Full PDB file with SEQRES, HELIX, SHEET, SSBOND, CRYST1, ORIGX, SCALE, CONECT and MASTER records, all heavy atoms in Angstrom:
SEQRES   1 A   43  VAL MET LYS ASP ILE LYS ARG PRO PHE THR ALA ILE MET          
SEQRES   2 A   43  GLY GLY SER LYS VAL SER THR LYS ILE GLU ILE ILE GLU          
SEQRES   3 A   43  ASN LEU LEU THR LYS VAL ASP ASN LEU ILE LEU CYS GLY          
SEQRES   4 A   43  GLY MET THR TYR                                              
HELIX    1 AA1 ILE A   22  LEU A   28  1                                   7    
HELIX    2 AA2 GLY A   39  THR A   42  5                                   4    
SHEET    1 AA1 2 THR A  10  MET A  13  0                                        
SHEET    2 AA1 2 ASN A  34  LEU A  37  1                                        
CRYST1    1.000    1.000    1.000  90.00  90.00  90.00 P 1           1          
ORIGX1      1.000000  0.000000  0.000000        0.00000                         
ORIGX2      0.000000  1.000000  0.000000        0.00000                         
ORIGX3      0.000000  0.000000  1.000000        0.00000                         
SCALE1      1.000000  0.000000  0.000000        0.00000                         
SCALE2      0.000000  1.000000  0.000000        0.00000                         
SCALE3      0.000000  0.000000  1.000000        0.00000                         
ATOM      1  N   VAL A   1     134.160 -24.608  17.922  1.00  0.00           N  
ATOM      2  CA  VAL A   1     134.042 -25.510  16.784  1.00  0.00           C  
ATOM      3  C   VAL A   1     134.527 -24.864  15.492  1.00  0.00           C  
ATOM      4  O   VAL A   1     135.144 -25.517  14.651  1.00  0.00           O  
ATOM      5  CB  VAL A   1     132.579 -25.986  16.624  1.00  0.00           C  
ATOM      6  CG1 VAL A   1     132.326 -26.579  15.255  1.00  0.00           C  
ATOM      7  CG2 VAL A   1     132.255 -27.025  17.683  1.00  0.00           C  
ATOM      8  N   MET A   2     134.241 -23.577  15.316  1.00  0.00           N  
ATOM      9  CA  MET A   2     134.534 -22.933  14.045  1.00  0.00           C  
ATOM     10  C   MET A   2     135.865 -22.179  14.017  1.00  0.00           C  
ATOM     11  O   MET A   2     136.407 -21.915  12.947  1.00  0.00           O  
ATOM     12  CB  MET A   2     133.399 -21.969  13.680  1.00  0.00           C  
ATOM     13  CG  MET A   2     132.017 -22.633  13.621  1.00  0.00           C  
ATOM     14  SD  MET A   2     131.952 -24.117  12.586  1.00  0.00           S  
ATOM     15  CE  MET A   2     132.110 -23.396  10.966  1.00  0.00           C  
ATOM     16  N   LYS A   3     136.404 -21.816  15.192  1.00  0.00           N  
ATOM     17  CA  LYS A   3     137.616 -20.992  15.212  1.00  0.00           C  
ATOM     18  C   LYS A   3     138.778 -21.609  15.979  1.00  0.00           C  
ATOM     19  O   LYS A   3     139.938 -21.364  15.669  1.00  0.00           O  
ATOM     20  CB  LYS A   3     137.287 -19.610  15.815  1.00  0.00           C  
ATOM     21  CG  LYS A   3     136.272 -18.813  14.993  1.00  0.00           C  
ATOM     22  CD  LYS A   3     135.920 -17.503  15.682  1.00  0.00           C  
ATOM     23  CE  LYS A   3     134.863 -16.727  14.902  1.00  0.00           C  
ATOM     24  NZ  LYS A   3     134.448 -15.487  15.597  1.00  0.00           N  
ATOM     25  N   ASP A   4     138.459 -22.395  17.019  1.00  0.00           N  
ATOM     26  CA  ASP A   4     139.514 -22.988  17.849  1.00  0.00           C  
ATOM     27  C   ASP A   4     139.522 -24.499  17.615  1.00  0.00           C  
ATOM     28  O   ASP A   4     139.233 -25.289  18.509  1.00  0.00           O  
ATOM     29  CB  ASP A   4     139.252 -22.662  19.324  1.00  0.00           C  
ATOM     30  CG  ASP A   4     140.355 -23.175  20.231  1.00  0.00           C  
ATOM     31  OD1 ASP A   4     141.474 -23.390  19.741  1.00  0.00           O  
ATOM     32  OD2 ASP A   4     140.078 -23.396  21.435  1.00  0.00           O  
ATOM     33  N   ILE A   5     139.830 -24.895  16.398  1.00  0.00           N  
ATOM     34  CA  ILE A   5     139.648 -26.280  15.966  1.00  0.00           C  
ATOM     35  C   ILE A   5     140.813 -27.169  16.395  1.00  0.00           C  
ATOM     36  O   ILE A   5     141.970 -26.860  16.134  1.00  0.00           O  
ATOM     37  CB  ILE A   5     139.489 -26.338  14.427  1.00  0.00           C  
ATOM     38  CG1 ILE A   5     138.270 -25.517  13.985  1.00  0.00           C  
ATOM     39  CG2 ILE A   5     139.370 -27.779  13.950  1.00  0.00           C  
ATOM     40  CD1 ILE A   5     138.204 -25.282  12.489  1.00  0.00           C  
ATOM     41  N   LYS A   6     140.465 -28.275  17.075  1.00  0.00           N  
ATOM     42  CA  LYS A   6     141.439 -29.349  17.346  1.00  0.00           C  
ATOM     43  C   LYS A   6     141.176 -30.425  16.299  1.00  0.00           C  
ATOM     44  O   LYS A   6     140.044 -30.833  16.079  1.00  0.00           O  
ATOM     45  CB  LYS A   6     141.242 -29.905  18.761  1.00  0.00           C  
ATOM     46  CG  LYS A   6     141.343 -28.853  19.869  1.00  0.00           C  
ATOM     47  CD  LYS A   6     142.747 -28.303  19.997  1.00  0.00           C  
ATOM     48  CE  LYS A   6     142.878 -27.379  21.204  1.00  0.00           C  
ATOM     49  NZ  LYS A   6     142.112 -26.127  21.093  1.00  0.00           N  
ATOM     50  N   ARG A   7     142.213 -30.912  15.674  1.00  0.00           N  
ATOM     51  CA  ARG A   7     142.031 -31.854  14.563  1.00  0.00           C  
ATOM     52  C   ARG A   7     142.385 -33.291  14.950  1.00  0.00           C  
ATOM     53  O   ARG A   7     143.177 -33.490  15.855  1.00  0.00           O  
ATOM     54  CB  ARG A   7     142.881 -31.377  13.377  1.00  0.00           C  
ATOM     55  CG  ARG A   7     142.424 -30.008  12.884  1.00  0.00           C  
ATOM     56  CD  ARG A   7     143.014 -29.644  11.532  1.00  0.00           C  
ATOM     57  NE  ARG A   7     142.546 -28.328  11.125  1.00  0.00           N  
ATOM     58  CZ  ARG A   7     141.352 -28.082  10.560  1.00  0.00           C  
ATOM     59  NH1 ARG A   7     140.511 -29.088  10.325  1.00  0.00           N  
ATOM     60  NH2 ARG A   7     141.001 -26.858  10.229  1.00  0.00           N  
ATOM     61  N   PRO A   8     141.729 -34.253  14.267  1.00  0.00           N  
ATOM     62  CA  PRO A   8     140.815 -34.111  13.125  1.00  0.00           C  
ATOM     63  C   PRO A   8     139.448 -33.519  13.524  1.00  0.00           C  
ATOM     64  O   PRO A   8     138.955 -33.789  14.611  1.00  0.00           O  
ATOM     65  CB  PRO A   8     140.630 -35.549  12.627  1.00  0.00           C  
ATOM     66  CG  PRO A   8     141.738 -36.342  13.249  1.00  0.00           C  
ATOM     67  CD  PRO A   8     142.030 -35.676  14.546  1.00  0.00           C  
ATOM     68  N   PHE A   9     138.874 -32.730  12.617  1.00  0.00           N  
ATOM     69  CA  PHE A   9     137.569 -32.106  12.792  1.00  0.00           C  
ATOM     70  C   PHE A   9     136.589 -32.843  11.880  1.00  0.00           C  
ATOM     71  O   PHE A   9     136.776 -32.902  10.668  1.00  0.00           O  
ATOM     72  CB  PHE A   9     137.656 -30.620  12.422  1.00  0.00           C  
ATOM     73  CG  PHE A   9     136.353 -29.850  12.498  1.00  0.00           C  
ATOM     74  CD1 PHE A   9     135.210 -30.368  13.086  1.00  0.00           C  
ATOM     75  CD2 PHE A   9     136.281 -28.564  11.967  1.00  0.00           C  
ATOM     76  CE1 PHE A   9     134.024 -29.649  13.161  1.00  0.00           C  
ATOM     77  CE2 PHE A   9     135.106 -27.823  12.028  1.00  0.00           C  
ATOM     78  CZ  PHE A   9     133.976 -28.362  12.619  1.00  0.00           C  
ATOM     79  N   THR A  10     135.546 -33.411  12.496  1.00  0.00           N  
ATOM     80  CA  THR A  10     134.531 -34.143  11.746  1.00  0.00           C  
ATOM     81  C   THR A  10     133.161 -33.496  11.924  1.00  0.00           C  
ATOM     82  O   THR A  10     132.745 -33.232  13.053  1.00  0.00           O  
ATOM     83  CB  THR A  10     134.448 -35.616  12.212  1.00  0.00           C  
ATOM     84  OG1 THR A  10     135.692 -36.258  11.933  1.00  0.00           O  
ATOM     85  CG2 THR A  10     133.318 -36.358  11.504  1.00  0.00           C  
ATOM     86  N   ALA A  11     132.487 -33.236  10.819  1.00  0.00           N  
ATOM     87  CA  ALA A  11     131.118 -32.738  10.856  1.00  0.00           C  
ATOM     88  C   ALA A  11     130.192 -33.817  10.314  1.00  0.00           C  
ATOM     89  O   ALA A  11     130.503 -34.460   9.306  1.00  0.00           O  
ATOM     90  CB  ALA A  11     130.984 -31.462  10.024  1.00  0.00           C  
ATOM     91  N   ILE A  12     129.093 -34.033  11.012  1.00  0.00           N  
ATOM     92  CA  ILE A  12     128.072 -34.985  10.564  1.00  0.00           C  
ATOM     93  C   ILE A  12     126.832 -34.180  10.215  1.00  0.00           C  
ATOM     94  O   ILE A  12     126.240 -33.536  11.087  1.00  0.00           O  
ATOM     95  CB  ILE A  12     127.734 -36.016  11.657  1.00  0.00           C  
ATOM     96  CG1 ILE A  12     129.002 -36.710  12.155  1.00  0.00           C  
ATOM     97  CG2 ILE A  12     126.720 -37.041  11.139  1.00  0.00           C  
ATOM     98  CD1 ILE A  12     129.284 -36.504  13.594  1.00  0.00           C  
ATOM     99  N   MET A  13     126.478 -34.178   8.945  1.00  0.00           N  
ATOM    100  CA  MET A  13     125.321 -33.423   8.470  1.00  0.00           C  
ATOM    101  C   MET A  13     124.239 -34.387   7.994  1.00  0.00           C  
ATOM    102  O   MET A  13     124.460 -35.190   7.082  1.00  0.00           O  
ATOM    103  CB  MET A  13     125.716 -32.515   7.299  1.00  0.00           C  
ATOM    104  CG  MET A  13     126.558 -31.321   7.682  1.00  0.00           C  
ATOM    105  SD  MET A  13     125.569 -30.032   8.480  1.00  0.00           S  
ATOM    106  CE  MET A  13     126.440 -29.911  10.035  1.00  0.00           C  
ATOM    107  N   GLY A  14     123.078 -34.319   8.631  1.00  0.00           N  
ATOM    108  CA  GLY A  14     121.947 -35.139   8.234  1.00  0.00           C  
ATOM    109  C   GLY A  14     120.821 -34.272   7.706  1.00  0.00           C  
ATOM    110  O   GLY A  14     121.017 -33.109   7.379  1.00  0.00           O  
ATOM    111  N   GLY A  15     119.649 -34.843   7.642  1.00  0.00           N  
ATOM    112  CA  GLY A  15     118.504 -34.092   7.132  1.00  0.00           C  
ATOM    113  C   GLY A  15     118.039 -34.650   5.800  1.00  0.00           C  
ATOM    114  O   GLY A  15     118.738 -35.434   5.153  1.00  0.00           O  
ATOM    115  N   SER A  16     116.858 -34.227   5.400  1.00  0.00           N  
ATOM    116  CA  SER A  16     116.249 -34.816   4.202  1.00  0.00           C  
ATOM    117  C   SER A  16     116.713 -34.175   2.906  1.00  0.00           C  
ATOM    118  O   SER A  16     116.740 -34.822   1.863  1.00  0.00           O  
ATOM    119  CB  SER A  16     114.722 -34.714   4.306  1.00  0.00           C  
ATOM    120  OG  SER A  16     114.318 -33.363   4.427  1.00  0.00           O  
ATOM    121  N   LYS A  17     117.090 -32.889   2.956  1.00  0.00           N  
ATOM    122  CA  LYS A  17     117.385 -32.179   1.709  1.00  0.00           C  
ATOM    123  C   LYS A  17     118.772 -31.548   1.718  1.00  0.00           C  
ATOM    124  O   LYS A  17     119.120 -30.811   2.643  1.00  0.00           O  
ATOM    125  CB  LYS A  17     116.332 -31.098   1.469  1.00  0.00           C  
ATOM    126  CG  LYS A  17     114.928 -31.641   1.242  1.00  0.00           C  
ATOM    127  CD  LYS A  17     113.950 -30.509   0.987  1.00  0.00           C  
ATOM    128  CE  LYS A  17     112.546 -31.037   0.705  1.00  0.00           C  
ATOM    129  NZ  LYS A  17     111.594 -29.938   0.446  1.00  0.00           N  
ATOM    130  N   VAL A  18     119.528 -31.810   0.671  1.00  0.00           N  
ATOM    131  CA  VAL A  18     120.838 -31.185   0.534  1.00  0.00           C  
ATOM    132  C   VAL A  18     120.694 -29.683   0.294  1.00  0.00           C  
ATOM    133  O   VAL A  18     121.548 -28.887   0.702  1.00  0.00           O  
ATOM    134  CB  VAL A  18     121.647 -31.853  -0.600  1.00  0.00           C  
ATOM    135  CG1 VAL A  18     120.984 -31.653  -1.948  1.00  0.00           C  
ATOM    136  CG2 VAL A  18     123.081 -31.355  -0.628  1.00  0.00           C  
ATOM    137  N   SER A  19     119.585 -29.275  -0.322  1.00  0.00           N  
ATOM    138  CA  SER A  19     119.388 -27.859  -0.654  1.00  0.00           C  
ATOM    139  C   SER A  19     119.302 -26.978   0.586  1.00  0.00           C  
ATOM    140  O   SER A  19     119.701 -25.814   0.560  1.00  0.00           O  
ATOM    141  CB  SER A  19     118.135 -27.675  -1.511  1.00  0.00           C  
ATOM    142  OG  SER A  19     116.991 -28.156  -0.834  1.00  0.00           O  
ATOM    143  N   THR A  20     118.783 -27.525   1.695  1.00  0.00           N  
ATOM    144  CA  THR A  20     118.648 -26.723   2.913  1.00  0.00           C  
ATOM    145  C   THR A  20     119.964 -26.609   3.673  1.00  0.00           C  
ATOM    146  O   THR A  20     120.085 -25.792   4.576  1.00  0.00           O  
ATOM    147  CB  THR A  20     117.582 -27.314   3.848  1.00  0.00           C  
ATOM    148  OG1 THR A  20     117.975 -28.641   4.235  1.00  0.00           O  
ATOM    149  CG2 THR A  20     116.225 -27.379   3.160  1.00  0.00           C  
ATOM    150  N   LYS A  21     120.947 -27.454   3.309  1.00  0.00           N  
ATOM    151  CA  LYS A  21     122.216 -27.453   4.037  1.00  0.00           C  
ATOM    152  C   LYS A  21     123.393 -27.023   3.167  1.00  0.00           C  
ATOM    153  O   LYS A  21     124.539 -27.079   3.613  1.00  0.00           O  
ATOM    154  CB  LYS A  21     122.503 -28.864   4.586  1.00  0.00           C  
ATOM    155  CG  LYS A  21     121.458 -29.422   5.556  1.00  0.00           C  
ATOM    156  CD  LYS A  21     121.557 -28.790   6.920  1.00  0.00           C  
ATOM    157  CE  LYS A  21     120.471 -29.257   7.870  1.00  0.00           C  
ATOM    158  NZ  LYS A  21     120.680 -30.593   8.406  1.00  0.00           N  
ATOM    159  N   ILE A  22     123.115 -26.586   1.944  1.00  0.00           N  
ATOM    160  CA  ILE A  22     124.197 -26.339   0.989  1.00  0.00           C  
ATOM    161  C   ILE A  22     125.190 -25.289   1.488  1.00  0.00           C  
ATOM    162  O   ILE A  22     126.409 -25.475   1.385  1.00  0.00           O  
ATOM    163  CB  ILE A  22     123.649 -25.957  -0.417  1.00  0.00           C  
ATOM    164  CG1 ILE A  22     124.785 -25.753  -1.417  1.00  0.00           C  
ATOM    165  CG2 ILE A  22     122.730 -24.757  -0.370  1.00  0.00           C  
ATOM    166  CD1 ILE A  22     125.636 -26.962  -1.661  1.00  0.00           C  
ATOM    167  N   GLU A  23     124.698 -24.170   2.051  1.00  0.00           N  
ATOM    168  CA  GLU A  23     125.615 -23.113   2.510  1.00  0.00           C  
ATOM    169  C   GLU A  23     126.456 -23.590   3.696  1.00  0.00           C  
ATOM    170  O   GLU A  23     127.627 -23.244   3.815  1.00  0.00           O  
ATOM    171  CB  GLU A  23     124.834 -21.849   2.861  1.00  0.00           C  
ATOM    172  CG  GLU A  23     124.221 -21.165   1.643  1.00  0.00           C  
ATOM    173  CD  GLU A  23     123.521 -19.870   1.999  1.00  0.00           C  
ATOM    174  OE1 GLU A  23     123.602 -19.436   3.158  1.00  0.00           O  
ATOM    175  OE2 GLU A  23     122.878 -19.286   1.104  1.00  0.00           O  
ATOM    176  N   ILE A  24     125.836 -24.391   4.566  1.00  0.00           N  
ATOM    177  CA  ILE A  24     126.568 -24.935   5.709  1.00  0.00           C  
ATOM    178  C   ILE A  24     127.660 -25.882   5.225  1.00  0.00           C  
ATOM    179  O   ILE A  24     128.815 -25.806   5.650  1.00  0.00           O  
ATOM    180  CB  ILE A  24     125.614 -25.704   6.647  1.00  0.00           C  
ATOM    181  CG1 ILE A  24     124.500 -24.783   7.138  1.00  0.00           C  
ATOM    182  CG2 ILE A  24     126.357 -26.301   7.818  1.00  0.00           C  
ATOM    183  CD1 ILE A  24     123.357 -25.509   7.774  1.00  0.00           C  
ATOM    184  N   ILE A  25     127.264 -26.789   4.312  1.00  0.00           N  
ATOM    185  CA  ILE A  25     128.220 -27.766   3.789  1.00  0.00           C  
ATOM    186  C   ILE A  25     129.396 -27.070   3.107  1.00  0.00           C  
ATOM    187  O   ILE A  25     130.562 -27.415   3.339  1.00  0.00           O  
ATOM    188  CB  ILE A  25     127.519 -28.739   2.814  1.00  0.00           C  
ATOM    189  CG1 ILE A  25     126.554 -29.654   3.590  1.00  0.00           C  
ATOM    190  CG2 ILE A  25     128.541 -29.578   2.052  1.00  0.00           C  
ATOM    191  CD1 ILE A  25     125.645 -30.491   2.712  1.00  0.00           C  
ATOM    192  N   GLU A  26     129.107 -26.058   2.295  1.00  0.00           N  
ATOM    193  CA  GLU A  26     130.177 -25.367   1.575  1.00  0.00           C  
ATOM    194  C   GLU A  26     131.124 -24.654   2.538  1.00  0.00           C  
ATOM    195  O   GLU A  26     132.340 -24.626   2.321  1.00  0.00           O  
ATOM    196  CB  GLU A  26     129.579 -24.394   0.559  1.00  0.00           C  
ATOM    197  CG  GLU A  26     128.943 -25.116  -0.634  1.00  0.00           C  
ATOM    198  CD  GLU A  26     128.494 -24.175  -1.730  1.00  0.00           C  
ATOM    199  OE1 GLU A  26     128.282 -22.984  -1.430  1.00  0.00           O  
ATOM    200  OE2 GLU A  26     128.347 -24.632  -2.880  1.00  0.00           O  
ATOM    201  N   ASN A  27     130.583 -24.076   3.600  1.00  0.00           N  
ATOM    202  CA  ASN A  27     131.440 -23.422   4.594  1.00  0.00           C  
ATOM    203  C   ASN A  27     132.272 -24.461   5.347  1.00  0.00           C  
ATOM    204  O   ASN A  27     133.460 -24.257   5.607  1.00  0.00           O  
ATOM    205  CB  ASN A  27     130.603 -22.604   5.579  1.00  0.00           C  
ATOM    206  CG  ASN A  27     131.462 -21.727   6.481  1.00  0.00           C  
ATOM    207  OD1 ASN A  27     132.380 -21.059   6.028  1.00  0.00           O  
ATOM    208  ND2 ASN A  27     131.172 -21.738   7.771  1.00  0.00           N  
ATOM    209  N   LEU A  28     131.654 -25.603   5.676  1.00  0.00           N  
ATOM    210  CA  LEU A  28     132.375 -26.649   6.397  1.00  0.00           C  
ATOM    211  C   LEU A  28     133.508 -27.246   5.572  1.00  0.00           C  
ATOM    212  O   LEU A  28     134.531 -27.655   6.132  1.00  0.00           O  
ATOM    213  CB  LEU A  28     131.399 -27.748   6.823  1.00  0.00           C  
ATOM    214  CG  LEU A  28     130.460 -27.390   7.979  1.00  0.00           C  
ATOM    215  CD1 LEU A  28     129.417 -28.484   8.179  1.00  0.00           C  
ATOM    216  CD2 LEU A  28     131.238 -27.157   9.268  1.00  0.00           C  
ATOM    217  N   LEU A  29     133.340 -27.286   4.273  1.00  0.00           N  
ATOM    218  CA  LEU A  29     134.385 -27.852   3.407  1.00  0.00           C  
ATOM    219  C   LEU A  29     135.688 -27.060   3.489  1.00  0.00           C  
ATOM    220  O   LEU A  29     136.751 -27.568   3.123  1.00  0.00           O  
ATOM    221  CB  LEU A  29     133.907 -27.915   1.958  1.00  0.00           C  
ATOM    222  CG  LEU A  29     132.901 -29.027   1.627  1.00  0.00           C  
ATOM    223  CD1 LEU A  29     132.402 -28.910   0.200  1.00  0.00           C  
ATOM    224  CD2 LEU A  29     133.506 -30.412   1.866  1.00  0.00           C  
ATOM    225  N   THR A  30     135.622 -25.822   3.975  1.00  0.00           N  
ATOM    226  CA  THR A  30     136.833 -25.011   4.141  1.00  0.00           C  
ATOM    227  C   THR A  30     137.461 -25.219   5.518  1.00  0.00           C  
ATOM    228  O   THR A  30     138.517 -24.671   5.798  1.00  0.00           O  
ATOM    229  CB  THR A  30     136.520 -23.506   3.971  1.00  0.00           C  
ATOM    230  OG1 THR A  30     135.677 -23.063   5.054  1.00  0.00           O  
ATOM    231  CG2 THR A  30     135.809 -23.251   2.655  1.00  0.00           C  
ATOM    232  N   LYS A  31     136.801 -26.043   6.385  1.00  0.00           N  
ATOM    233  CA  LYS A  31     137.266 -26.166   7.763  1.00  0.00           C  
ATOM    234  C   LYS A  31     137.510 -27.593   8.226  1.00  0.00           C  
ATOM    235  O   LYS A  31     138.402 -27.845   9.024  1.00  0.00           O  
ATOM    236  CB  LYS A  31     136.247 -25.507   8.709  1.00  0.00           C  
ATOM    237  CG  LYS A  31     136.036 -24.021   8.449  1.00  0.00           C  
ATOM    238  CD  LYS A  31     134.990 -23.429   9.395  1.00  0.00           C  
ATOM    239  CE  LYS A  31     134.729 -21.948   9.082  1.00  0.00           C  
ATOM    240  NZ  LYS A  31     135.899 -21.108   9.286  1.00  0.00           N  
ATOM    241  N   VAL A  32     136.685 -28.549   7.754  1.00  0.00           N  
ATOM    242  CA  VAL A  32     136.731 -29.891   8.324  1.00  0.00           C  
ATOM    243  C   VAL A  32     137.763 -30.793   7.645  1.00  0.00           C  
ATOM    244  O   VAL A  32     138.224 -30.520   6.534  1.00  0.00           O  
ATOM    245  CB  VAL A  32     135.343 -30.578   8.255  1.00  0.00           C  
ATOM    246  CG1 VAL A  32     134.298 -29.773   8.997  1.00  0.00           C  
ATOM    247  CG2 VAL A  32     134.912 -30.826   6.810  1.00  0.00           C  
ATOM    248  N   ASP A  33     138.102 -31.878   8.353  1.00  0.00           N  
ATOM    249  CA  ASP A  33     138.927 -32.933   7.778  1.00  0.00           C  
ATOM    250  C   ASP A  33     138.039 -34.046   7.218  1.00  0.00           C  
ATOM    251  O   ASP A  33     138.359 -34.663   6.206  1.00  0.00           O  
ATOM    252  CB  ASP A  33     139.856 -33.514   8.850  1.00  0.00           C  
ATOM    253  CG  ASP A  33     140.753 -32.444   9.454  1.00  0.00           C  
ATOM    254  OD1 ASP A  33     141.638 -31.951   8.737  1.00  0.00           O  
ATOM    255  OD2 ASP A  33     140.541 -32.086  10.631  1.00  0.00           O  
ATOM    256  N   ASN A  34     136.930 -34.282   7.931  1.00  0.00           N  
ATOM    257  CA  ASN A  34     135.985 -35.323   7.529  1.00  0.00           C  
ATOM    258  C   ASN A  34     134.571 -34.763   7.499  1.00  0.00           C  
ATOM    259  O   ASN A  34     134.171 -34.046   8.423  1.00  0.00           O  
ATOM    260  CB  ASN A  34     136.007 -36.494   8.518  1.00  0.00           C  
ATOM    261  CG  ASN A  34     137.398 -37.041   8.743  1.00  0.00           C  
ATOM    262  OD1 ASN A  34     138.063 -37.467   7.811  1.00  0.00           O  
ATOM    263  ND2 ASN A  34     137.846 -37.009   9.998  1.00  0.00           N  
ATOM    264  N   LEU A  35     133.819 -35.094   6.466  1.00  0.00           N  
ATOM    265  CA  LEU A  35     132.418 -34.687   6.371  1.00  0.00           C  
ATOM    266  C   LEU A  35     131.571 -35.927   6.124  1.00  0.00           C  
ATOM    267  O   LEU A  35     131.719 -36.605   5.095  1.00  0.00           O  
ATOM    268  CB  LEU A  35     132.219 -33.680   5.235  1.00  0.00           C  
ATOM    269  CG  LEU A  35     130.778 -33.203   5.004  1.00  0.00           C  
ATOM    270  CD1 LEU A  35     130.210 -32.512   6.235  1.00  0.00           C  
ATOM    271  CD2 LEU A  35     130.705 -32.253   3.795  1.00  0.00           C  
ATOM    272  N   ILE A  36     130.723 -36.235   7.106  1.00  0.00           N  
ATOM    273  CA  ILE A  36     129.810 -37.365   6.982  1.00  0.00           C  
ATOM    274  C   ILE A  36     128.440 -36.825   6.578  1.00  0.00           C  
ATOM    275  O   ILE A  36     127.874 -35.980   7.277  1.00  0.00           O  
ATOM    276  CB  ILE A  36     129.702 -38.128   8.319  1.00  0.00           C  
ATOM    277  CG1 ILE A  36     131.042 -38.797   8.646  1.00  0.00           C  
ATOM    278  CG2 ILE A  36     128.577 -39.156   8.268  1.00  0.00           C  
ATOM    279  CD1 ILE A  36     131.092 -39.416  10.040  1.00  0.00           C  
ATOM    280  N   LEU A  37     127.912 -37.279   5.455  1.00  0.00           N  
ATOM    281  CA  LEU A  37     126.588 -36.876   4.998  1.00  0.00           C  
ATOM    282  C   LEU A  37     125.654 -38.073   5.153  1.00  0.00           C  
ATOM    283  O   LEU A  37     125.954 -39.177   4.675  1.00  0.00           O  
ATOM    284  CB  LEU A  37     126.631 -36.411   3.538  1.00  0.00           C  
ATOM    285  CG  LEU A  37     127.502 -35.183   3.257  1.00  0.00           C  
ATOM    286  CD1 LEU A  37     127.471 -34.828   1.774  1.00  0.00           C  
ATOM    287  CD2 LEU A  37     127.062 -33.982   4.092  1.00  0.00           C  
ATOM    288  N   CYS A  38     124.524 -37.859   5.822  1.00  0.00           N  
ATOM    289  CA  CYS A  38     123.612 -38.957   6.095  1.00  0.00           C  
ATOM    290  C   CYS A  38     122.171 -38.468   6.039  1.00  0.00           C  
ATOM    291  O   CYS A  38     121.899 -37.348   5.600  1.00  0.00           O  
ATOM    292  CB  CYS A  38     123.935 -39.587   7.454  1.00  0.00           C  
ATOM    293  SG  CYS A  38     123.957 -38.408   8.836  1.00  0.00           S  
ATOM    294  N   GLY A  39     121.244 -39.296   6.477  1.00  0.00           N  
ATOM    295  CA  GLY A  39     119.836 -38.922   6.415  1.00  0.00           C  
ATOM    296  C   GLY A  39     119.307 -38.980   4.992  1.00  0.00           C  
ATOM    297  O   GLY A  39     119.916 -39.571   4.086  1.00  0.00           O  
ATOM    298  N   GLY A  40     118.170 -38.334   4.765  1.00  0.00           N  
ATOM    299  CA  GLY A  40     117.510 -38.384   3.467  1.00  0.00           C  
ATOM    300  C   GLY A  40     118.341 -37.837   2.327  1.00  0.00           C  
ATOM    301  O   GLY A  40     118.203 -38.284   1.176  1.00  0.00           O  
ATOM    302  N   MET A  41     119.224 -36.879   2.626  1.00  0.00           N  
ATOM    303  CA  MET A  41     120.024 -36.292   1.542  1.00  0.00           C  
ATOM    304  C   MET A  41     120.958 -37.317   0.894  1.00  0.00           C  
ATOM    305  O   MET A  41     121.415 -37.138  -0.236  1.00  0.00           O  
ATOM    306  CB  MET A  41     120.819 -35.086   2.054  1.00  0.00           C  
ATOM    307  CG  MET A  41     121.993 -35.424   2.931  1.00  0.00           C  
ATOM    308  SD  MET A  41     123.062 -33.986   3.226  1.00  0.00           S  
ATOM    309  CE  MET A  41     122.122 -33.071   4.445  1.00  0.00           C  
ATOM    310  N   THR A  42     121.227 -38.414   1.608  1.00  0.00           N  
ATOM    311  CA  THR A  42     122.090 -39.482   1.069  1.00  0.00           C  
ATOM    312  C   THR A  42     121.663 -39.910  -0.330  1.00  0.00           C  
ATOM    313  O   THR A  42     122.500 -40.126  -1.217  1.00  0.00           O  
ATOM    314  CB  THR A  42     122.030 -40.720   1.998  1.00  0.00           C  
ATOM    315  OG1 THR A  42     122.493 -40.363   3.290  1.00  0.00           O  
ATOM    316  CG2 THR A  42     122.866 -41.862   1.445  1.00  0.00           C  
ATOM    317  N   TYR A  43     120.346 -40.000  -0.510  1.00  0.00           N  
ATOM    318  CA  TYR A  43     119.842 -40.619  -1.744  1.00  0.00           C  
ATOM    319  C   TYR A  43     119.895 -39.679  -2.941  1.00  0.00           C  
ATOM    320  O   TYR A  43     119.945 -40.138  -4.083  1.00  0.00           O  
ATOM    321  CB  TYR A  43     118.444 -41.180  -1.474  1.00  0.00           C  
ATOM    322  CG  TYR A  43     118.511 -42.112  -0.288  1.00  0.00           C  
ATOM    323  CD1 TYR A  43     118.090 -41.681   0.976  1.00  0.00           C  
ATOM    324  CD2 TYR A  43     119.110 -43.355  -0.403  1.00  0.00           C  
ATOM    325  CE1 TYR A  43     118.235 -42.503   2.087  1.00  0.00           C  
ATOM    326  CE2 TYR A  43     119.269 -44.187   0.700  1.00  0.00           C  
ATOM    327  CZ  TYR A  43     118.830 -43.759   1.945  1.00  0.00           C  
ATOM    328  OH  TYR A  43     119.012 -44.557   3.045  1.00  0.00           O  
TER     329      TYR A  43                                                      
MASTER        0    0    0    2    2    0    0    6  328    1    0    4          
END                                                                             
């Protein structure tokens, strides 16, 4: 997923708090084509 990427690469990140996923999201922004944010952090 992180090194042998076939594109398009889509990550779906859920959960209640953006603060608990911030480092993951920032790292994914350097790798993915699409980032879907859902769950409680949406609001």
